[in-house]
Amino acid sequence: SANFSGNLYDVEQYEVEADTGYID
């Protein structure tokens, strides 16, 4: 949201797994 990309576009974000630190 602090960047132009978060202001111009509708953004959702994925996360890493809490227990492994890897992307699921």
PDB file of all heavy atoms in Angstrom:
ATOM      1  N   SER A   1       0.810  -1.227   0.000  1.00  0.00           N
ATOM      2  CA  SER A   1       0.000   0.000   0.000  1.00  0.00           C
ATOM      3  C   SER A   1       0.837   1.267   0.000  1.00  0.00           C
ATOM      4  O   SER A   1       0.362   2.343  -0.388  1.00  0.00           O
ATOM      5  CB  SER A   1      -0.930  -0.003   1.219  1.00  0.00           C
ATOM      6  OG  SER A   1      -0.179  -0.079   2.429  1.00  0.00           O
ATOM      7  N   ALA A   2       2.101   1.178   0.445  1.00  0.00           N
ATOM      8  CA  ALA A   2       2.969   2.357   0.441  1.00  0.00           C
ATOM      9  C   ALA A   2       3.562   2.637  -0.937  1.00  0.00           C
ATOM     10  O   ALA A   2       4.176   3.684  -1.141  1.00  0.00           O
ATOM     11  CB  ALA A   2       4.103   2.178   1.457  1.00  0.00           C
ATOM     12  N   ASN A   3       3.375   1.719  -1.880  1.00  0.00           N
ATOM     13  CA  ASN A   3       3.965   1.822  -3.207  1.00  0.00           C
ATOM     14  C   ASN A   3       2.876   2.114  -4.236  1.00  0.00           C
ATOM     15  O   ASN A   3       1.698   1.817  -4.020  1.00  0.00           O
ATOM     16  CB  ASN A   3       4.679   0.504  -3.523  1.00  0.00           C
ATOM     17  CG  ASN A   3       5.430   0.511  -4.832  1.00  0.00           C
ATOM     18  OD1 ASN A   3       4.937   0.021  -5.840  1.00  0.00           O
ATOM     19  ND2 ASN A   3       6.637   1.056  -4.820  1.00  0.00           N
ATOM     20  N   PHE A   4       3.268   2.657  -5.388  1.00  0.00           N
ATOM     21  CA  PHE A   4       2.297   2.930  -6.449  1.00  0.00           C
ATOM     22  C   PHE A   4       1.501   1.686  -6.814  1.00  0.00           C
ATOM     23  O   PHE A   4       0.309   1.768  -7.151  1.00  0.00           O
ATOM     24  CB  PHE A   4       3.018   3.473  -7.694  1.00  0.00           C
ATOM     25  CG  PHE A   4       3.649   2.403  -8.547  1.00  0.00           C
ATOM     26  CD1 PHE A   4       2.956   1.832  -9.601  1.00  0.00           C
ATOM     27  CD2 PHE A   4       4.923   1.917  -8.266  1.00  0.00           C
ATOM     28  CE1 PHE A   4       3.518   0.827 -10.381  1.00  0.00           C
ATOM     29  CE2 PHE A   4       5.489   0.920  -9.032  1.00  0.00           C
ATOM     30  CZ  PHE A   4       4.799   0.369 -10.090  1.00  0.00           C
ATOM     31  N   SER A   5       2.152   0.523  -6.756  1.00  0.00           N
ATOM     32  CA  SER A   5       1.485  -0.714  -7.172  1.00  0.00           C
ATOM     33  C   SER A   5       0.300  -1.053  -6.283  1.00  0.00           C
ATOM     34  O   SER A   5      -0.705  -1.598  -6.748  1.00  0.00           O
ATOM     35  CB  SER A   5       2.488  -1.872  -7.196  1.00  0.00           C
ATOM     36  OG  SER A   5       3.123  -2.012  -5.932  1.00  0.00           O
ATOM     37  N   GLY A   6       0.405  -0.729  -5.005  1.00  0.00           N
ATOM     38  CA  GLY A   6      -0.702  -0.987  -4.096  1.00  0.00           C
ATOM     39  C   GLY A   6      -1.808   0.036  -4.192  1.00  0.00           C
ATOM     40  O   GLY A   6      -2.933  -0.208  -3.739  1.00  0.00           O
ATOM     41  N   ASN A   7      -1.504   1.188  -4.772  1.00  0.00           N
ATOM     42  CA  ASN A   7      -2.507   2.233  -4.945  1.00  0.00           C
ATOM     43  C   ASN A   7      -3.242   2.119  -6.272  1.00  0.00           C
ATOM     44  O   ASN A   7      -4.427   2.459  -6.359  1.00  0.00           O
ATOM     45  CB  ASN A   7      -1.840   3.613  -4.852  1.00  0.00           C
ATOM     46  CG  ASN A   7      -1.435   3.963  -3.437  1.00  0.00           C
ATOM     47  OD1 ASN A   7      -2.281   4.083  -2.557  1.00  0.00           O
ATOM     48  ND2 ASN A   7      -0.152   4.134  -3.198  1.00  0.00           N
ATOM     49  N   LEU A   8      -2.552   1.644  -7.298  1.00  0.00           N
ATOM     50  CA  LEU A   8      -3.170   1.565  -8.626  1.00  0.00           C
ATOM     51  C   LEU A   8      -3.958   0.280  -8.838  1.00  0.00           C
ATOM     52  O   LEU A   8      -4.881   0.246  -9.657  1.00  0.00           O
ATOM     53  CB  LEU A   8      -2.093   1.666  -9.713  1.00  0.00           C
ATOM     54  CG  LEU A   8      -1.482   3.036  -9.987  1.00  0.00           C
ATOM     55  CD1 LEU A   8      -0.478   2.941 -11.121  1.00  0.00           C
ATOM     56  CD2 LEU A   8      -2.563   4.057 -10.323  1.00  0.00           C
ATOM     57  N   TYR A   9      -3.588  -0.778  -8.137  1.00  0.00           N
ATOM     58  CA  TYR A   9      -4.166  -2.084  -8.430  1.00  0.00           C
ATOM     59  C   TYR A   9      -4.833  -2.689  -7.197  1.00  0.00           C
ATOM     60  O   TYR A   9      -4.542  -2.307  -6.057  1.00  0.00           O
ATOM     61  CB  TYR A   9      -3.087  -3.022  -8.977  1.00  0.00           C
ATOM     62  CG  TYR A   9      -2.356  -2.426 -10.158  1.00  0.00           C
ATOM     63  CD1 TYR A   9      -1.054  -1.937 -10.049  1.00  0.00           C
ATOM     64  CD2 TYR A   9      -3.002  -2.302 -11.394  1.00  0.00           C
ATOM     65  CE1 TYR A   9      -0.409  -1.362 -11.129  1.00  0.00           C
ATOM     66  CE2 TYR A   9      -2.359  -1.724 -12.489  1.00  0.00           C
ATOM     67  CZ  TYR A   9      -1.068  -1.246 -12.350  1.00  0.00           C
ATOM     68  OH  TYR A   9      -0.434  -0.664 -13.414  1.00  0.00           O
ATOM     69  N   ASP A  10      -5.708  -3.630  -7.436  1.00  0.00           N
ATOM     70  CA  ASP A  10      -6.400  -4.370  -6.372  1.00  0.00           C
ATOM     71  C   ASP A  10      -5.536  -5.578  -6.048  1.00  0.00           C
ATOM     72  O   ASP A  10      -5.425  -6.500  -6.857  1.00  0.00           O
ATOM     73  CB  ASP A  10      -7.785  -4.800  -6.880  1.00  0.00           C
ATOM     74  CG  ASP A  10      -8.578  -5.583  -5.848  1.00  0.00           C
ATOM     75  OD1 ASP A  10      -8.141  -5.666  -4.687  1.00  0.00           O
ATOM     76  OD2 ASP A  10      -9.634  -6.125  -6.220  1.00  0.00           O
ATOM     77  N   VAL A  11      -4.912  -5.562  -4.892  1.00  0.00           N
ATOM     78  CA  VAL A  11      -3.882  -6.551  -4.570  1.00  0.00           C
ATOM     79  C   VAL A  11      -4.294  -7.429  -3.395  1.00  0.00           C
ATOM     80  O   VAL A  11      -4.757  -6.939  -2.358  1.00  0.00           O
ATOM     81  CB  VAL A  11      -2.544  -5.850  -4.231  1.00  0.00           C
ATOM     82  CG1 VAL A  11      -1.463  -6.890  -3.926  1.00  0.00           C
ATOM     83  CG2 VAL A  11      -2.105  -4.956  -5.380  1.00  0.00           C
ATOM     84  N   GLU A  12      -4.146  -8.711  -3.574  1.00  0.00           N
ATOM     85  CA  GLU A  12      -4.195  -9.657  -2.461  1.00  0.00           C
ATOM     86  C   GLU A  12      -2.873 -10.413  -2.443  1.00  0.00           C
ATOM     87  O   GLU A  12      -2.183 -10.505  -3.470  1.00  0.00           O
ATOM     88  CB  GLU A  12      -5.376 -10.621  -2.581  1.00  0.00           C
ATOM     89  CG  GLU A  12      -6.712  -9.934  -2.365  1.00  0.00           C
ATOM     90  CD  GLU A  12      -7.872 -10.929  -2.206  1.00  0.00           C
ATOM     91  OE1 GLU A  12      -7.612 -12.161  -2.151  1.00  0.00           O
ATOM     92  OE2 GLU A  12      -9.028 -10.459  -2.152  1.00  0.00           O
ATOM     93  N   GLN A  13      -2.532 -10.947  -1.277  1.00  0.00           N
ATOM     94  CA  GLN A  13      -1.208 -11.524  -1.146  1.00  0.00           C
ATOM     95  C   GLN A  13      -1.239 -12.911  -0.504  1.00  0.00           C
ATOM     96  O   GLN A  13      -2.062 -13.191   0.356  1.00  0.00           O
ATOM     97  CB  GLN A  13      -0.310 -10.576  -0.338  1.00  0.00           C
ATOM     98  CG  GLN A  13      -0.201  -9.210  -1.033  1.00  0.00           C
ATOM     99  CD  GLN A  13       0.899  -8.345  -0.520  1.00  0.00           C
ATOM    100  OE1 GLN A  13       0.931  -8.010   0.643  1.00  0.00           O
ATOM    101  NE2 GLN A  13       1.816  -7.966  -1.407  1.00  0.00           N
ATOM    102  N   TYR A  14      -0.354 -13.759  -0.994  1.00  0.00           N
ATOM    103  CA  TYR A  14      -0.179 -15.078  -0.398  1.00  0.00           C
ATOM    104  C   TYR A  14       0.966 -15.015   0.605  1.00  0.00           C
ATOM    105  O   TYR A  14       1.740 -14.049   0.639  1.00  0.00           O
ATOM    106  CB  TYR A  14       0.051 -16.155  -1.461  1.00  0.00           C
ATOM    107  CG  TYR A  14       1.166 -15.906  -2.449  1.00  0.00           C
ATOM    108  CD1 TYR A  14       2.441 -16.425  -2.236  1.00  0.00           C
ATOM    109  CD2 TYR A  14       0.940 -15.189  -3.631  1.00  0.00           C
ATOM    110  CE1 TYR A  14       3.462 -16.235  -3.164  1.00  0.00           C
ATOM    111  CE2 TYR A  14       1.959 -14.985  -4.558  1.00  0.00           C
ATOM    112  CZ  TYR A  14       3.219 -15.506  -4.322  1.00  0.00           C
ATOM    113  OH  TYR A  14       4.220 -15.312  -5.220  1.00  0.00           O
ATOM    114  N   GLU A  15       1.069 -16.045   1.443  1.00  0.00           N
ATOM    115  CA  GLU A  15       2.047 -16.051   2.527  1.00  0.00           C
ATOM    116  C   GLU A  15       2.764 -17.388   2.595  1.00  0.00           C
ATOM    117  O   GLU A  15       2.369 -18.354   1.931  1.00  0.00           O
ATOM    118  CB  GLU A  15       1.347 -15.765   3.870  1.00  0.00           C
ATOM    119  CG  GLU A  15       0.637 -14.422   3.929  1.00  0.00           C
ATOM    120  CD  GLU A  15      -0.056 -14.182   5.261  1.00  0.00           C
ATOM    121  OE1 GLU A  15      -0.245 -15.171   6.029  1.00  0.00           O
ATOM    122  OE2 GLU A  15      -0.409 -13.013   5.546  1.00  0.00           O
ATOM    123  N   VAL A  16       3.823 -17.425   3.395  1.00  0.00           N
ATOM    124  CA  VAL A  16       4.503 -18.696   3.653  1.00  0.00           C
ATOM    125  C   VAL A  16       3.791 -19.406   4.801  1.00  0.00           C
ATOM    126  O   VAL A  16       3.055 -18.789   5.585  1.00  0.00           O
ATOM    127  CB  VAL A  16       5.992 -18.488   4.001  1.00  0.00           C
ATOM    128  CG1 VAL A  16       6.704 -17.744   2.881  1.00  0.00           C
ATOM    129  CG2 VAL A  16       6.152 -17.742   5.323  1.00  0.00           C
ATOM    130  N   GLU A  17       4.000 -20.700   4.903  1.00  0.00           N
ATOM    131  CA  GLU A  17       3.424 -21.459   6.010  1.00  0.00           C
ATOM    132  C   GLU A  17       4.109 -21.090   7.316  1.00  0.00           C
ATOM    133  O   GLU A  17       5.339 -20.986   7.382  1.00  0.00           O
ATOM    134  CB  GLU A  17       3.593 -22.959   5.761  1.00  0.00           C
ATOM    135  CG  GLU A  17       2.780 -23.491   4.597  1.00  0.00           C
ATOM    136  CD  GLU A  17       2.953 -24.993   4.452  1.00  0.00           C
ATOM    137  OE1 GLU A  17       4.089 -25.417   4.132  1.00  0.00           O
ATOM    138  OE2 GLU A  17       1.971 -25.716   4.697  1.00  0.00           O
ATOM    139  N   ALA A  18       3.322 -20.894   8.357  1.00  0.00           N
ATOM    140  CA  ALA A  18       3.862 -20.441   9.634  1.00  0.00           C
ATOM    141  C   ALA A  18       4.853 -21.436  10.231  1.00  0.00           C
ATOM    142  O   ALA A  18       5.860 -21.044  10.829  1.00  0.00           O
ATOM    143  CB  ALA A  18       2.716 -20.190  10.613  1.00  0.00           C
ATOM    144  N   ASP A  19       4.601 -22.733  10.062  1.00  0.00           N
ATOM    145  CA  ASP A  19       5.437 -23.728  10.723  1.00  0.00           C
ATOM    146  C   ASP A  19       6.678 -24.119   9.929  1.00  0.00           C
ATOM    147  O   ASP A  19       7.648 -24.618  10.490  1.00  0.00           O
ATOM    148  CB  ASP A  19       4.630 -24.988  11.057  1.00  0.00           C
ATOM    149  CG  ASP A  19       3.979 -25.610   9.837  1.00  0.00           C
ATOM    150  OD1 ASP A  19       3.793 -24.892   8.839  1.00  0.00           O
ATOM    151  OD2 ASP A  19       3.662 -26.816   9.888  1.00  0.00           O
ATOM    152  N   THR A  20       6.684 -23.868   8.612  1.00  0.00           N
ATOM    153  CA  THR A  20       7.819 -24.289   7.790  1.00  0.00           C
ATOM    154  C   THR A  20       8.594 -23.130   7.172  1.00  0.00           C
ATOM    155  O   THR A  20       9.773 -23.279   6.840  1.00  0.00           O
ATOM    156  CB  THR A  20       7.363 -25.200   6.636  1.00  0.00           C
ATOM    157  OG1 THR A  20       6.568 -24.443   5.711  1.00  0.00           O
ATOM    158  CG2 THR A  20       6.566 -26.390   7.169  1.00  0.00           C
ATOM    159  N   GLY A  21       7.950 -21.986   6.980  1.00  0.00           N
ATOM    160  CA  GLY A  21       8.589 -20.883   6.289  1.00  0.00           C
ATOM    161  C   GLY A  21       8.617 -21.043   4.781  1.00  0.00           C
ATOM    162  O   GLY A  21       9.232 -20.238   4.074  1.00  0.00           O
ATOM    163  N   TYR A  22       7.962 -22.075   4.260  1.00  0.00           N
ATOM    164  CA  TYR A  22       7.903 -22.339   2.822  1.00  0.00           C
ATOM    165  C   TYR A  22       6.558 -21.878   2.252  1.00  0.00           C
ATOM    166  O   TYR A  22       5.535 -21.888   2.948  1.00  0.00           O
ATOM    167  CB  TYR A  22       8.053 -23.823   2.527  1.00  0.00           C
ATOM    168  CG  TYR A  22       9.457 -24.354   2.559  1.00  0.00           C
ATOM    169  CD1 TYR A  22      10.107 -24.611   3.758  1.00  0.00           C
ATOM    170  CD2 TYR A  22      10.144 -24.641   1.380  1.00  0.00           C
ATOM    171  CE1 TYR A  22      11.402 -25.122   3.799  1.00  0.00           C
ATOM    172  CE2 TYR A  22      11.441 -25.158   1.398  1.00  0.00           C
ATOM    173  CZ  TYR A  22      12.051 -25.391   2.609  1.00  0.00           C
ATOM    174  OH  TYR A  22      13.332 -25.906   2.637  1.00  0.00           O
ATOM    175  N   ILE A  23       6.558 -21.531   0.965  1.00  0.00           N
ATOM    176  CA  ILE A  23       5.312 -21.231   0.266  1.00  0.00           C
ATOM    177  C   ILE A  23       4.535 -22.526   0.045  1.00  0.00           C
ATOM    178  O   ILE A  23       5.102 -23.532  -0.392  1.00  0.00           O
ATOM    179  CB  ILE A  23       5.597 -20.550  -1.081  1.00  0.00           C
ATOM    180  CG1 ILE A  23       6.186 -19.156  -0.853  1.00  0.00           C
ATOM    181  CG2 ILE A  23       4.330 -20.458  -1.936  1.00  0.00           C
ATOM    182  CD1 ILE A  23       6.719 -18.503  -2.123  1.00  0.00           C
ATOM    183  N   ASP A  24       3.258 -22.494   0.326  1.00  0.00           N
ATOM    184  CA  ASP A  24       2.365 -23.612   0.037  1.00  0.00           C
ATOM    185  C   ASP A  24       1.720 -23.331  -1.322  1.00  0.00           C
ATOM    186  O   ASP A  24       0.801 -22.505  -1.427  1.00  0.00           O
ATOM    187  CB  ASP A  24       1.301 -23.729   1.139  1.00  0.00           C
ATOM    188  CG  ASP A  24       0.351 -24.895   0.913  1.00  0.00           C
ATOM    189  OD1 ASP A  24       0.275 -25.401  -0.225  1.00  0.00           O
ATOM    190  OD2 ASP A  24      -0.340 -25.278   1.871  1.00  0.00           O
TER     191      ASP A  24
END
